[in-house]
Amino acid sequence: MNTRSIVIAVAVLGAGLLLYRVLSPSAPIATGAALAHVQVPDLSPGAQEGERLFNRSCGSCHGTNAAGQDGIAPPLVHKIYEPNHHADASFHLAAKNGVRAHHWQFGNMPPVEGITDPELDSIVFYIRELQSANGVY
């Protein structure tokens, strides 16, 4: 068997597996499901502003209430992101510059276009308030 035949065989097998996963009711694809259960407290006014900015700039990947999304992005209400492991500056650097995958298998995070440092301060404030309410730190 030559290299071209092997490549074609692998591609056909992969396509068949994907088709099976999509069409089989016993094998649902859970992409997008929340990865953490997040209790939302009564948010302070500062956290409410952070929530609004998070929903605009981060929620499409990191999910509702920073609970993550299966197959897309990790939850930020998680012990990995507690202040002793990921300081506030880590969130700023990740959003401004993107970040290479290192704790999770979601792939690299691209930079968030057009986000400002004051907006990031509000977003981090919101995330920290959620973390505190959920026993993360």
Protein backbone atom coordinates (compact mmCIF):
# COMPACT_ATOMS: atom_id res chain seq x y z
CA MET A 1 0.00 0.00 0.00
CA ASN A 2 1.47 3.37 -0.96
CA THR A 3 1.34 6.60 1.08
CA ARG A 4 -1.50 8.06 -0.97
CA SER A 5 -3.66 4.98 -0.34
CA ILE A 6 -2.99 5.19 3.40
CA VAL A 7 -3.93 8.88 3.50
CA ILE A 8 -7.17 8.20 1.61
CA ALA A 9 -8.01 5.25 3.88
CA VAL A 10 -7.45 7.33 7.02
CA ALA A 11 -9.56 10.19 5.61
CA VAL A 12 -12.43 7.84 4.72
CA LEU A 13 -12.26 6.18 8.14
CA GLY A 14 -12.27 9.58 9.88
CA ALA A 15 -15.21 10.81 7.80
CA GLY A 16 -17.12 7.61 8.54
CA LEU A 17 -16.48 7.94 12.27
CA LEU A 18 -17.62 11.57 12.23
CA LEU A 19 -20.76 10.67 10.29
CA TYR A 20 -21.50 7.87 12.76
CA ARG A 21 -21.08 10.27 15.72
CA VAL A 22 -23.40 12.83 14.14
CA LEU A 23 -26.14 10.40 13.10
CA SER A 24 -26.04 7.98 16.03
CA PRO A 25 -28.45 8.94 18.83
CA SER A 26 -26.43 6.81 21.27
CA ALA A 27 -23.32 8.92 20.68
CA PRO A 28 -24.29 12.58 21.07
CA ILE A 29 -21.68 15.26 20.64
CA ALA A 30 -21.65 17.42 23.77
CA THR A 31 -19.79 20.37 22.31
CA GLY A 32 -20.81 23.52 24.08
CA ALA A 33 -22.13 21.93 27.28
CA ALA A 34 -21.11 23.76 30.46
CA LEU A 35 -18.04 22.26 32.12
CA ALA A 36 -18.68 23.63 35.62
CA HIS A 37 -21.70 24.29 37.76
CA VAL A 38 -21.52 27.96 38.73
CA GLN A 39 -23.65 29.44 41.48
CA VAL A 40 -24.22 33.11 40.66
CA PRO A 41 -24.42 35.34 43.73
CA ASP A 42 -26.10 38.73 43.93
CA LEU A 43 -23.41 40.56 42.00
CA SER A 44 -21.99 43.86 43.15
CA PRO A 45 -22.40 46.80 40.72
CA GLY A 46 -18.76 46.42 39.64
CA ALA A 47 -19.24 42.72 38.95
CA GLN A 48 -22.44 43.45 37.02
CA GLU A 49 -20.46 45.68 34.66
CA GLY A 50 -17.82 42.96 34.38
CA GLU A 51 -20.53 40.43 33.57
CA ARG A 52 -21.81 42.63 30.75
CA LEU A 53 -18.31 42.98 29.31
CA PHE A 54 -17.58 39.26 29.83
CA ASN A 55 -20.74 38.32 27.94
CA ARG A 56 -19.75 40.65 25.09
CA SER A 57 -16.10 39.64 24.78
CA CYS A 58 -15.54 36.28 26.48
CA GLY A 59 -18.81 34.40 26.94
CA SER A 60 -19.04 33.06 23.40
CA CYS A 61 -16.10 30.80 24.21
CA HIS A 62 -15.90 30.60 28.02
CA GLY A 63 -19.66 30.15 28.36
CA THR A 64 -22.39 31.54 30.52
CA ASN A 65 -21.10 32.62 33.94
CA ALA A 66 -17.56 31.55 32.94
CA ALA A 67 -18.59 27.88 33.24
CA GLY A 68 -16.63 26.89 30.10
CA GLN A 69 -17.95 25.00 27.10
CA ASP A 70 -17.14 21.42 26.25
CA GLY A 71 -14.98 21.29 23.14
CA ILE A 72 -14.56 25.08 23.05
CA ALA A 73 -12.95 26.69 26.12
CA PRO A 74 -12.32 25.99 29.81
CA PRO A 75 -14.28 27.21 32.80
CA LEU A 76 -12.74 30.21 34.53
CA VAL A 77 -14.56 29.38 37.75
CA HIS A 78 -12.04 26.64 38.44
CA LYS A 79 -9.16 26.15 40.87
CA ILE A 80 -6.64 26.47 38.02
CA TYR A 81 -7.62 30.13 37.67
CA GLU A 82 -7.51 31.04 41.37
CA PRO A 83 -5.42 34.14 42.10
CA ASN A 84 -2.48 32.17 43.50
CA HIS A 85 -2.11 30.28 40.23
CA HIS A 86 -3.35 32.82 37.66
CA ALA A 87 -3.02 36.35 38.95
CA ASP A 88 -5.20 39.11 37.50
CA ALA A 89 -2.37 40.04 35.13
CA SER A 90 -2.64 36.56 33.56
CA PHE A 91 -6.15 37.36 32.35
CA HIS A 92 -4.91 40.65 30.89
CA LEU A 93 -2.02 38.96 29.10
CA ALA A 94 -4.20 36.15 27.74
CA ALA A 95 -6.86 38.52 26.41
CA LYS A 96 -4.36 40.99 24.93
CA ASN A 97 -1.84 38.53 23.47
CA GLY A 98 -3.59 35.20 23.29
CA VAL A 99 -2.16 32.21 25.11
CA ARG A 100 -0.78 28.81 24.17
CA ALA A 101 -2.75 25.86 25.51
CA HIS A 102 -1.10 24.56 28.66
CA HIS A 103 -3.70 23.33 31.16
CA TRP A 104 -6.46 22.16 28.83
CA GLN A 105 -6.78 20.54 25.42
CA PHE A 106 -8.89 23.22 23.72
CA GLY A 107 -6.10 24.60 21.57
CA ASN A 108 -4.54 28.03 21.75
CA MET A 109 -6.59 31.06 22.76
CA PRO A 110 -6.43 33.91 20.24
CA PRO A 111 -6.20 37.52 21.43
CA VAL A 112 -9.50 39.28 22.10
CA GLU A 113 -9.79 42.07 19.55
CA GLY A 114 -10.40 45.61 20.77
CA ILE A 115 -10.54 44.92 24.51
CA THR A 116 -9.13 47.57 26.84
CA ASP A 117 -7.34 47.29 30.18
CA PRO A 118 -10.21 48.97 32.10
CA GLU A 119 -12.65 46.50 30.51
CA LEU A 120 -10.39 43.63 31.51
CA ASP A 121 -10.22 44.96 35.07
CA SER A 122 -14.04 44.79 35.20
CA ILE A 123 -14.11 41.31 33.68
CA VAL A 124 -11.53 39.99 36.15
CA PHE A 125 -13.50 41.58 39.01
CA TYR A 126 -16.58 39.66 37.82
CA ILE A 127 -14.66 36.38 37.50
CA ARG A 128 -13.14 36.79 40.95
CA GLU A 129 -16.56 37.46 42.47
CA LEU A 130 -17.92 34.30 40.82
CA GLN A 131 -14.89 32.32 42.00
CA SER A 132 -15.29 33.56 45.56
CA ALA A 133 -18.98 32.65 45.61
CA ASN A 134 -18.12 29.17 44.36
CA GLY A 135 -15.31 28.41 46.83
CA VAL A 136 -12.50 28.68 44.32
CA TYR A 137 -10.49 30.89 46.67
